[in-house]
Amino acid sequence: MRKRLLSCGVIAAIGMLLFCRAESFAIEARREVLASGLTMLHTERSNLPVVRIKLLIKASLLDESDEKAGLANLTAGMLTGGTSSLTARQIDEEMDFMGAVLSTRADADFTMISLSALKKDLDKAFKIFADIVQNPTFPQDELKVKKELVKGSLRQDEESPSFLAQREFLKAVYGVHPYGRLNRGTPETVDALTREDLIAFHRALYVPDRAVMSVCGDVSHDEITALVGKYFKDWKNNGHAGPAIKFTDPPHVKKTVVIDRKTAQASIVFGHTGVSRDNPDYYAVAVMNYILGGGGFSSRLMRIVRDEMGLAYDVRSHFMPKKYGGTFEITVQTKNESAGTVAAETLKQVGAMRAGYVSDDEIDTARSYITGSFPRRLDTMEKAAELLALAEFYGLGTDFDKTYINAVKAVTKEDVKRVARKYLDDEKFVVVVVGDAGRIKLGEGF
């Protein structure tokens, strides 16, 4: 990903302007689908001379083959590598001169292209933004450099035990599904990708009816509509049907993987499949997970494994939702010799959660924290713009910022018990441990 850097003075000034109370950024978004098929979401905030734009493209690893793993990521990273009218250096210089920021990233479900600009520079910045979306040329010299950077990052990650544990965990849980492989691909698949691959991928998927644009800041609806009409007027669809693979929950299978690395600590990932983001049980799952291991020092896992047993500095559980499914994961690092004890206690706490006892204090604390911390997801225009795009993509509605809190408050103890039994499994699960295999002793149950 290429990211334009603001000068230190501009960063400080804008940072101070954008750090505002979340209540000031309650979203009142206008949604419309343009004639081209582009879904546009807009919320005006005229108290700051800044505009944040997010363009979500439904192009991801779901749209690439195993042989071309990393194609979505490489395509996104090369958007700023040059267009039919600007070189990569010219894009850099133009954005830096304005003090604007242009960035791209490819996630498991989508590609996100982001623009931040001052109101006075919006026309010029938006023109460049539209140019990289529609007219990237993927120059061979820039592509060569980008591929080396990606391969270098992959090789470097091989030295990280936590990276290895996460990679093997996803492979074990998802199997042949694209979610089971790295978003960046492998050094071999990245090396094999060609400029023609990127051109074809872009031509097929970077189209308006597969895109969501969210805009937040000092720009009126008429102004942003005029900009889109001016700079995206030639953006056309091509009838691409979208990814052929849809996620269905694979059966939970019990699997233990130990990867031998001569490290002082063992990195452990425990879990199985989870929930998709649009699952109606998502809010009850969030409360349940907070109690189990998502609530920091308030969670059961942290209290027992860290505070009482003293076997880890940090231990957390996560439900990681995606469009077509997700994972439930518990991550922890501990001494090699205590890996078996920590894994056993982790399994025990999952079983206890499934057994159903939840105290009034636990559920009250969980609901209070989740609802109380939610406004931090809206405390800048950057976050508000991203939340709008994601809410649209996952089908959560433009009033998501309002319904979320009420949905969490409505979760009961019975809901928590029900989803724990439904979405936690203490019999069929995946455990990956990376550490000194000769000193790691996993006991019964693994």
Protein backbone atom coordinates (compact mmCIF):
# COMPACT_ATOMS: atom_id res chain seq x y z
CA MET A 1 0.00 0.00 0.00
CA ARG A 2 1.32 3.43 -0.93
CA LYS A 3 0.45 6.14 1.54
CA ARG A 4 0.99 9.88 1.15
CA LEU A 5 2.46 11.53 4.21
CA LEU A 6 1.40 14.94 5.46
CA SER A 7 3.95 17.41 6.77
CA CYS A 8 4.34 17.30 10.54
CA GLY A 9 2.71 20.69 10.96
CA VAL A 10 -0.34 19.79 8.90
CA ILE A 11 -0.68 16.43 10.68
CA ALA A 12 -0.67 18.13 14.06
CA ALA A 13 -3.17 20.78 13.02
CA ILE A 14 -5.62 18.41 11.40
CA GLY A 15 -5.21 15.87 14.21
CA MET A 16 -6.25 18.48 16.75
CA LEU A 17 -9.22 19.50 14.63
CA LEU A 18 -10.46 15.97 14.13
CA PHE A 19 -10.24 14.78 17.72
CA CYS A 20 -13.79 15.59 18.75
CA ARG A 21 -16.40 14.11 21.00
CA ALA A 22 -18.26 11.27 19.31
CA GLU A 23 -21.58 12.94 20.01
CA SER A 24 -20.56 15.60 17.47
CA PHE A 25 -20.26 12.91 14.83
CA ALA A 26 -23.58 11.10 15.14
CA ILE A 27 -24.21 9.94 11.59
CA GLU A 28 -27.16 11.32 9.66
CA ALA A 29 -26.37 9.82 6.30
CA ARG A 30 -28.09 10.22 2.97
CA ARG A 31 -27.99 7.09 0.84
CA GLU A 32 -28.64 6.83 -2.88
CA VAL A 33 -27.81 4.54 -5.75
CA LEU A 34 -26.66 6.49 -8.79
CA ALA A 35 -27.57 5.64 -12.36
CA SER A 36 -24.19 3.95 -12.81
CA GLY A 37 -24.94 1.58 -9.93
CA LEU A 38 -22.55 3.28 -7.50
CA THR A 39 -23.97 3.41 -3.98
CA MET A 40 -23.20 6.77 -2.37
CA LEU A 41 -23.47 7.65 1.31
CA HIS A 42 -23.01 11.22 2.46
CA THR A 43 -23.01 13.03 5.77
CA GLU A 44 -22.07 16.69 5.96
CA ARG A 45 -19.96 18.09 8.78
CA SER A 46 -19.17 21.73 8.05
CA ASN A 47 -17.47 22.60 11.34
CA LEU A 48 -14.10 21.39 10.00
CA PRO A 49 -12.55 22.25 6.61
CA VAL A 50 -11.76 18.61 5.89
CA VAL A 51 -13.36 15.86 3.79
CA ARG A 52 -12.87 12.10 4.21
CA ILE A 53 -13.85 9.73 1.41
CA LYS A 54 -13.90 5.94 1.39
CA LEU A 55 -14.48 3.94 -1.77
CA LEU A 56 -15.17 0.27 -1.02
CA ILE A 57 -14.77 -2.03 -4.02
CA LYS A 58 -16.08 -5.57 -3.90
CA ALA A 59 -12.77 -7.02 -5.06
CA SER A 60 -10.81 -9.32 -2.79
CA LEU A 61 -9.16 -12.70 -2.42
CA LEU A 62 -12.64 -14.17 -2.97
CA ASP A 63 -12.20 -13.19 -6.62
CA GLU A 64 -8.80 -14.77 -7.21
CA SER A 65 -7.72 -18.36 -7.75
CA ASP A 66 -5.30 -20.26 -5.54
CA GLU A 67 -2.70 -19.96 -8.28
CA LYS A 68 -3.06 -16.19 -8.33
CA ALA A 69 -3.20 -15.67 -4.56
CA GLY A 70 -2.27 -12.09 -3.69
CA LEU A 71 -3.73 -10.62 -6.88
CA ALA A 72 -6.34 -8.47 -5.13
CA ASN A 73 -3.76 -7.13 -2.69
CA LEU A 74 -1.21 -6.39 -5.41
CA THR A 75 -3.82 -4.68 -7.60
CA ALA A 76 -4.88 -2.42 -4.74
CA GLY A 77 -1.29 -1.59 -3.90
CA MET A 78 -0.53 -0.67 -7.50
CA LEU A 79 -3.41 1.79 -7.98
CA THR A 80 -1.10 4.65 -7.00
CA GLY A 81 1.72 3.31 -9.16
CA GLY A 82 0.72 5.50 -12.09
CA THR A 83 -2.24 6.32 -14.32
CA SER A 84 -2.69 7.26 -17.95
CA SER A 85 -2.10 10.91 -17.00
CA LEU A 86 0.14 10.81 -13.90
CA THR A 87 3.23 8.89 -12.83
CA ALA A 88 3.62 7.51 -9.32
CA ARG A 89 6.02 10.35 -8.51
CA GLN A 90 3.60 12.97 -9.79
CA ILE A 91 0.79 11.50 -7.68
CA ASP A 92 3.06 11.66 -4.64
CA GLU A 93 4.09 15.23 -5.30
CA GLU A 94 0.57 16.48 -6.01
CA MET A 95 -0.86 14.92 -2.87
CA ASP A 96 2.03 16.08 -0.70
CA PHE A 97 1.74 19.63 -2.01
CA MET A 98 -1.92 19.72 -0.95
CA GLY A 99 -1.26 18.03 2.36
CA ALA A 100 -3.72 15.32 1.33
CA VAL A 101 -3.59 11.59 2.02
CA LEU A 102 -4.38 8.88 -0.51
CA SER A 103 -4.18 5.21 0.51
CA THR A 104 -5.35 1.76 -0.53
CA ARG A 105 -5.74 -1.59 1.15
CA ALA A 106 -7.20 -4.98 0.28
CA ASP A 107 -8.98 -6.95 3.01
CA ALA A 108 -10.46 -10.44 2.92
CA ASP A 109 -13.84 -9.16 1.68
CA PHE A 110 -13.13 -5.92 -0.18
CA THR A 111 -10.67 -3.28 -1.32
CA MET A 112 -10.77 0.16 0.34
CA ILE A 113 -9.46 3.33 -1.31
CA SER A 114 -9.26 6.34 1.00
CA LEU A 115 -8.87 10.08 0.46
CA SER A 116 -8.39 12.82 3.03
CA ALA A 117 -8.20 16.42 1.82
CA LEU A 118 -8.81 19.96 2.93
CA LYS A 119 -12.00 21.49 1.56
CA LYS A 120 -10.10 24.04 -0.54
CA ASP A 121 -8.20 21.27 -2.35
CA LEU A 122 -11.06 18.81 -2.74
CA ASP A 123 -11.62 19.25 -6.48
CA LYS A 124 -7.98 18.62 -7.35
CA ALA A 125 -7.56 15.78 -4.85
CA PHE A 126 -10.80 14.12 -5.92
CA LYS A 127 -9.67 14.25 -9.56
CA ILE A 128 -6.54 12.25 -8.67
CA PHE A 129 -8.61 9.91 -6.50
CA ALA A 130 -10.96 9.20 -9.42
CA ASP A 131 -8.00 8.80 -11.78
CA ILE A 132 -6.29 6.03 -9.80
CA VAL A 133 -9.60 4.18 -9.45
CA GLN A 134 -10.43 4.22 -13.15
CA ASN A 135 -7.16 4.57 -15.02
CA PRO A 136 -4.25 2.76 -13.36
CA THR A 137 -1.65 1.58 -15.84
CA PHE A 138 0.29 -0.79 -13.56
CA PRO A 139 3.73 0.19 -14.94
CA GLN A 140 6.13 -2.73 -15.13
CA ASP A 141 8.91 -0.97 -13.20
CA GLU A 142 6.58 -0.01 -10.36
CA LEU A 143 5.09 -3.51 -10.34
CA LYS A 144 8.54 -5.05 -9.98
CA VAL A 145 9.27 -2.89 -6.94
CA LYS A 146 5.90 -3.58 -5.35
CA LYS A 147 6.24 -7.34 -5.79
CA GLU A 148 9.63 -7.29 -4.09
CA LEU A 149 8.17 -5.35 -1.18
CA VAL A 150 5.32 -7.83 -0.76
CA LYS A 151 7.61 -10.84 -0.99
CA GLY A 152 10.00 -9.24 1.46
CA SER A 153 7.23 -8.65 3.99
CA LEU A 154 6.12 -12.27 3.66
CA ARG A 155 9.63 -13.56 4.24
CA GLN A 156 10.05 -11.28 7.23
CA ASP A 157 6.78 -12.50 8.74
CA GLU A 158 8.11 -16.04 8.67
CA GLU A 159 10.27 -15.02 11.64
CA SER A 160 7.20 -14.18 13.74
CA PRO A 161 5.77 -17.08 15.80
CA SER A 162 2.41 -15.32 16.16
CA PHE A 163 2.19 -14.88 12.38
CA LEU A 164 2.95 -18.56 11.81
CA ALA A 165 0.33 -19.60 14.37
CA GLN A 166 -2.33 -17.39 12.80
CA ARG A 167 -1.53 -18.56 9.27
CA GLU A 168 -1.74 -22.24 10.19
CA PHE A 169 -4.90 -21.67 12.21
CA LEU A 170 -6.73 -20.09 9.26
CA LYS A 171 -5.60 -22.91 6.96
CA ALA A 172 -6.87 -25.52 9.41
CA VAL A 173 -10.22 -23.82 10.04
CA TYR A 174 -11.13 -22.75 6.51
CA GLY A 175 -9.53 -25.53 4.51
CA VAL A 176 -9.82 -24.88 0.77
CA HIS A 177 -11.92 -21.72 1.14
CA PRO A 178 -10.08 -18.52 0.07
CA TYR A 179 -10.34 -17.16 3.61
CA GLY A 180 -7.88 -19.87 4.59
CA ARG A 181 -4.99 -18.33 2.69
CA LEU A 182 -3.01 -15.15 3.18
CA ASN A 183 -4.38 -11.98 1.64
CA ARG A 184 -0.88 -11.20 0.31
CA GLY A 185 -0.47 -14.63 -1.25
CA THR A 186 2.87 -16.43 -1.09
CA PRO A 187 6.26 -15.37 -2.48
CA GLU A 188 5.77 -17.91 -5.28
CA THR A 189 2.26 -16.79 -6.31
CA VAL A 190 3.16 -13.10 -6.08
CA ASP A 191 6.26 -13.65 -8.19
CA ALA A 192 4.16 -15.34 -10.87
CA LEU A 193 1.61 -12.51 -11.15
CA THR A 194 1.85 -10.41 -14.30
CA ARG A 195 0.83 -6.93 -15.33
CA GLU A 196 -1.82 -8.53 -17.54
CA ASP A 197 -3.28 -10.28 -14.47
CA LEU A 198 -3.68 -6.94 -12.70
CA ILE A 199 -5.20 -5.27 -15.74
CA ALA A 200 -7.78 -8.07 -16.15
CA PHE A 201 -8.63 -8.10 -12.44
CA HIS A 202 -9.11 -4.35 -12.39
CA ARG A 203 -11.17 -4.32 -15.58
CA ALA A 204 -13.50 -7.03 -14.27
CA LEU A 205 -14.07 -5.84 -10.71
CA TYR A 206 -13.38 -2.13 -10.35
CA VAL A 207 -16.80 -1.08 -11.59
CA PRO A 208 -19.48 1.20 -10.09
CA ASP A 209 -22.12 -1.42 -9.37
CA ARG A 210 -19.57 -3.20 -7.15
CA ALA A 211 -18.65 -0.03 -5.27
CA VAL A 212 -19.76 1.96 -2.24
CA MET A 213 -18.59 5.55 -1.75
CA SER A 214 -18.98 7.13 1.67
CA VAL A 215 -18.26 10.82 2.19
CA CYS A 216 -18.00 12.65 5.50
CA GLY A 217 -16.97 16.25 6.03
CA ASP A 218 -17.19 19.79 4.80
CA VAL A 219 -18.91 19.12 1.49
CA SER A 220 -22.58 19.43 0.62
CA HIS A 221 -24.62 16.79 -1.15
CA ASP A 222 -24.77 18.93 -4.28
CA GLU A 223 -21.01 19.47 -4.24
CA ILE A 224 -20.07 15.81 -3.90
CA THR A 225 -22.68 14.79 -6.47
CA ALA A 226 -21.19 17.30 -8.89
CA LEU A 227 -17.68 15.95 -8.29
CA VAL A 228 -18.79 12.36 -8.87
CA GLY A 229 -20.62 13.43 -12.02
CA LYS A 230 -17.56 15.30 -13.25
CA TYR A 231 -14.83 12.78 -12.56
CA PHE A 232 -16.64 9.42 -12.62
CA LYS A 233 -18.93 10.13 -15.58
CA ASP A 234 -17.17 7.55 -17.77
CA TRP A 235 -17.04 4.78 -15.14
CA LYS A 236 -18.92 1.85 -16.65
CA ASN A 237 -20.12 -1.61 -15.58
CA ASN A 238 -19.34 -4.87 -17.33
CA GLY A 239 -21.85 -7.38 -15.98
CA HIS A 240 -19.37 -9.32 -13.83
CA ALA A 241 -21.33 -11.69 -11.62
CA GLY A 242 -19.11 -11.54 -8.55
CA PRO A 243 -17.33 -14.28 -6.60
CA ALA A 244 -18.42 -17.82 -7.36
CA ILE A 245 -17.49 -19.08 -3.90
CA LYS A 246 -19.89 -18.51 -1.05
CA PHE A 247 -18.95 -19.47 2.47
CA THR A 248 -20.73 -22.31 4.22
CA ASP A 249 -19.69 -23.40 7.68
CA PRO A 250 -17.38 -26.40 7.44
CA PRO A 251 -17.93 -29.02 10.09
CA HIS A 252 -15.85 -28.44 13.21
CA VAL A 253 -12.94 -30.83 13.20
CA LYS A 254 -10.52 -31.44 16.02
CA LYS A 255 -6.95 -30.71 15.00
CA THR A 256 -3.73 -29.91 16.84
CA VAL A 257 -0.74 -28.41 15.05
CA VAL A 258 2.64 -27.89 16.72
CA ILE A 259 5.28 -25.95 14.79
CA ASP A 260 8.80 -26.29 16.13
CA ARG A 261 10.65 -23.01 16.65
CA LYS A 262 13.40 -22.50 19.21
CA THR A 263 11.69 -19.62 21.00
CA ALA A 264 11.44 -18.78 24.69
CA GLN A 265 7.66 -18.54 24.48
CA ALA A 266 4.95 -20.54 22.78
CA SER A 267 2.37 -18.72 20.66
CA ILE A 268 -1.04 -20.40 20.88
CA VAL A 269 -4.17 -19.93 18.79
CA PHE A 270 -7.27 -21.90 19.80
CA GLY A 271 -10.63 -21.78 18.05
CA HIS A 272 -12.94 -22.74 15.22
CA THR A 273 -15.44 -21.18 12.83
CA GLY A 274 -17.41 -18.20 14.10
CA VAL A 275 -20.17 -15.97 12.73
CA SER A 276 -20.67 -13.68 9.75
CA ARG A 277 -21.12 -9.98 10.39
CA ASP A 278 -24.80 -9.97 9.40
CA ASN A 279 -25.66 -12.84 11.76
CA PRO A 280 -28.59 -11.70 13.95
CA ASP A 281 -26.81 -13.23 16.96
CA TYR A 282 -23.81 -10.95 16.47
CA TYR A 283 -24.69 -8.64 19.38
CA ALA A 284 -25.27 -11.44 21.86
CA VAL A 285 -22.03 -13.04 20.68
CA ALA A 286 -20.20 -9.74 21.29
CA VAL A 287 -21.47 -9.59 24.87
CA MET A 288 -20.67 -13.25 25.48
CA ASN A 289 -17.17 -12.85 24.06
CA TYR A 290 -16.48 -9.82 26.24
CA ILE A 291 -17.20 -11.93 29.30
CA LEU A 292 -15.06 -14.82 28.10
CA GLY A 293 -11.96 -13.10 26.82
CA GLY A 294 -12.71 -9.93 24.90
CA GLY A 295 -13.06 -7.64 27.88
CA GLY A 296 -9.43 -7.11 28.81
CA PHE A 297 -8.88 -7.25 32.56
CA SER A 298 -12.62 -7.80 33.07
CA SER A 299 -12.67 -11.08 31.14
CA ARG A 300 -12.56 -14.53 32.67
CA LEU A 301 -9.53 -15.63 30.66
CA MET A 302 -7.47 -12.62 31.67
CA ARG A 303 -8.49 -12.85 35.28
CA ILE A 304 -7.67 -16.54 35.59
CA VAL A 305 -4.74 -17.15 33.20
CA ARG A 306 -2.94 -13.89 33.89
CA ASP A 307 -3.96 -12.72 37.36
CA GLU A 308 -4.54 -15.97 39.22
CA MET A 309 -2.21 -18.37 37.42
CA GLY A 310 0.41 -15.86 36.31
CA LEU A 311 1.08 -17.77 33.10
CA ALA A 312 0.62 -15.06 30.46
CA TYR A 313 0.88 -11.32 30.11
CA ASP A 314 -2.13 -11.15 27.80
CA VAL A 315 -4.83 -13.56 26.67
CA ARG A 316 -7.82 -12.61 24.56
CA SER A 317 -10.70 -14.11 22.64
CA HIS A 318 -12.08 -12.72 19.41
CA PHE A 319 -14.93 -13.37 17.02
CA MET A 320 -13.61 -12.23 13.65
CA PRO A 321 -16.65 -11.86 11.35
CA LYS A 322 -16.43 -11.73 7.58
CA LYS A 323 -18.96 -11.52 4.77
CA TYR A 324 -19.35 -15.27 4.34
CA GLY A 325 -18.38 -16.52 7.77
CA GLY A 326 -15.74 -15.90 10.39
CA THR A 327 -13.60 -17.38 13.12
CA PHE A 328 -13.59 -17.62 16.87
CA GLU A 329 -10.06 -17.35 18.23
CA ILE A 330 -8.28 -17.27 21.56
CA THR A 331 -4.70 -16.01 21.34
CA VAL A 332 -2.07 -16.22 24.06
CA GLN A 333 1.68 -16.40 24.54
CA THR A 334 3.26 -18.26 27.44
CA LYS A 335 6.43 -20.14 28.35
CA ASN A 336 6.90 -23.35 26.41
CA GLU A 337 6.70 -25.38 29.60
CA SER A 338 3.32 -23.88 30.55
CA ALA A 339 1.73 -24.16 27.10
CA GLY A 340 -0.13 -27.33 28.05
CA THR A 341 -1.48 -25.80 31.25
CA VAL A 342 -2.64 -22.64 29.47
CA ALA A 343 -4.24 -24.61 26.65
CA ALA A 344 -6.06 -26.81 29.17
CA GLU A 345 -7.33 -23.79 31.12
CA THR A 346 -8.46 -22.14 27.89
CA LEU A 347 -10.46 -25.22 26.99
CA LYS A 348 -11.88 -25.35 30.50
CA GLN A 349 -13.10 -21.75 30.31
CA VAL A 350 -14.73 -22.32 26.94
CA GLY A 351 -16.55 -25.29 28.46
CA ALA A 352 -17.60 -23.22 31.47
CA MET A 353 -18.96 -20.52 29.17
CA ARG A 354 -20.96 -23.15 27.29
CA ALA A 355 -22.28 -24.52 30.59
CA GLY A 356 -24.20 -21.30 30.90
CA TYR A 357 -23.47 -19.55 34.18
CA VAL A 358 -23.28 -15.77 33.73
CA SER A 359 -23.51 -13.36 36.65
CA ASP A 360 -25.50 -10.13 36.64
CA ASP A 361 -22.30 -8.20 37.16
CA GLU A 362 -20.60 -9.83 34.17
CA ILE A 363 -23.40 -9.07 31.74
CA ASP A 364 -23.92 -5.53 33.07
CA THR A 365 -20.20 -4.79 32.75
CA ALA A 366 -20.08 -6.20 29.23
CA ARG A 367 -23.09 -4.26 27.97
CA SER A 368 -21.94 -1.05 29.62
CA TYR A 369 -18.45 -1.24 28.16
CA ILE A 370 -19.55 -2.17 24.64
CA THR A 371 -22.17 0.56 24.43
CA GLY A 372 -19.95 3.09 26.17
CA SER A 373 -16.97 2.48 23.91
CA PHE A 374 -18.97 2.46 20.66
CA PRO A 375 -18.82 6.26 20.23
CA ARG A 376 -15.05 5.98 19.87
CA ARG A 377 -15.73 4.33 16.54
CA LEU A 378 -17.21 7.63 15.39
CA ASP A 379 -14.91 10.17 17.02
CA THR A 380 -13.30 11.27 13.75
CA MET A 381 -14.62 11.81 10.26
CA GLU A 382 -12.23 9.09 9.08
CA LYS A 383 -13.92 6.54 11.32
CA ALA A 384 -17.41 7.76 10.47
CA ALA A 385 -16.77 7.47 6.73
CA GLU A 386 -15.37 3.96 7.11
CA LEU A 387 -18.22 2.83 9.34
CA LEU A 388 -20.75 4.06 6.79
CA ALA A 389 -19.07 2.07 4.00
CA LEU A 390 -18.80 -1.10 6.09
CA ALA A 391 -22.39 -0.85 7.34
CA GLU A 392 -23.55 -0.67 3.72
CA PHE A 393 -21.33 -3.54 2.63
CA TYR A 394 -22.50 -5.83 5.42
CA GLY A 395 -26.14 -4.78 5.07
CA LEU A 396 -26.42 -3.15 8.50
CA GLY A 397 -28.26 0.00 7.40
CA THR A 398 -27.45 3.72 7.50
CA ASP A 399 -28.86 3.93 11.04
CA PHE A 400 -26.37 1.36 12.31
CA ASP A 401 -24.81 3.88 14.70
CA LYS A 402 -28.17 4.15 16.45
CA THR A 403 -29.41 0.55 16.32
CA TYR A 404 -26.10 -0.91 17.53
CA ILE A 405 -26.34 0.45 21.07
CA ASN A 406 -29.98 -0.57 21.48
CA ALA A 407 -29.21 -4.05 20.17
CA VAL A 408 -26.43 -4.53 22.70
CA LYS A 409 -28.55 -3.19 25.55
CA ALA A 410 -31.27 -5.69 24.64
CA VAL A 411 -28.97 -8.73 25.10
CA THR A 412 -30.09 -10.84 28.08
CA LYS A 413 -28.41 -13.50 30.18
CA GLU A 414 -30.44 -16.11 28.35
CA ASP A 415 -29.17 -14.76 25.01
CA VAL A 416 -25.59 -15.08 26.23
CA LYS A 417 -26.15 -18.65 27.40
CA ARG A 418 -27.84 -19.57 24.13
CA VAL A 419 -25.10 -18.21 21.85
CA ALA A 420 -22.36 -19.70 24.01
CA ARG A 421 -23.86 -23.15 23.50
CA LYS A 422 -24.43 -22.48 19.81
CA TYR A 423 -21.15 -20.84 18.77
CA LEU A 424 -18.53 -22.23 21.16
CA ASP A 425 -17.21 -25.77 20.83
CA ASP A 426 -15.05 -27.43 23.48
CA GLU A 427 -14.92 -30.78 21.71
CA LYS A 428 -14.07 -30.02 18.07
CA PHE A 429 -11.58 -27.22 17.70
CA VAL A 430 -8.24 -26.26 16.19
CA VAL A 431 -5.17 -25.59 18.35
CA VAL A 432 -1.96 -24.27 16.82
CA VAL A 433 1.15 -23.91 18.97
CA VAL A 434 4.40 -22.41 17.72
CA GLY A 435 7.37 -22.88 20.03
CA ASP A 436 10.03 -25.28 21.22
CA ALA A 437 8.32 -28.58 20.50
CA GLY A 438 10.61 -30.50 22.81
CA ARG A 439 9.44 -28.45 25.79
CA ILE A 440 5.74 -28.26 24.88
CA LYS A 441 3.53 -30.91 26.47
CA LEU A 442 -0.13 -30.74 25.54
CA GLY A 443 -2.17 -32.98 27.76
CA GLU A 444 -5.44 -34.85 27.49
CA GLY A 445 -8.04 -33.19 25.35
CA PHE A 446 -5.59 -32.19 22.63
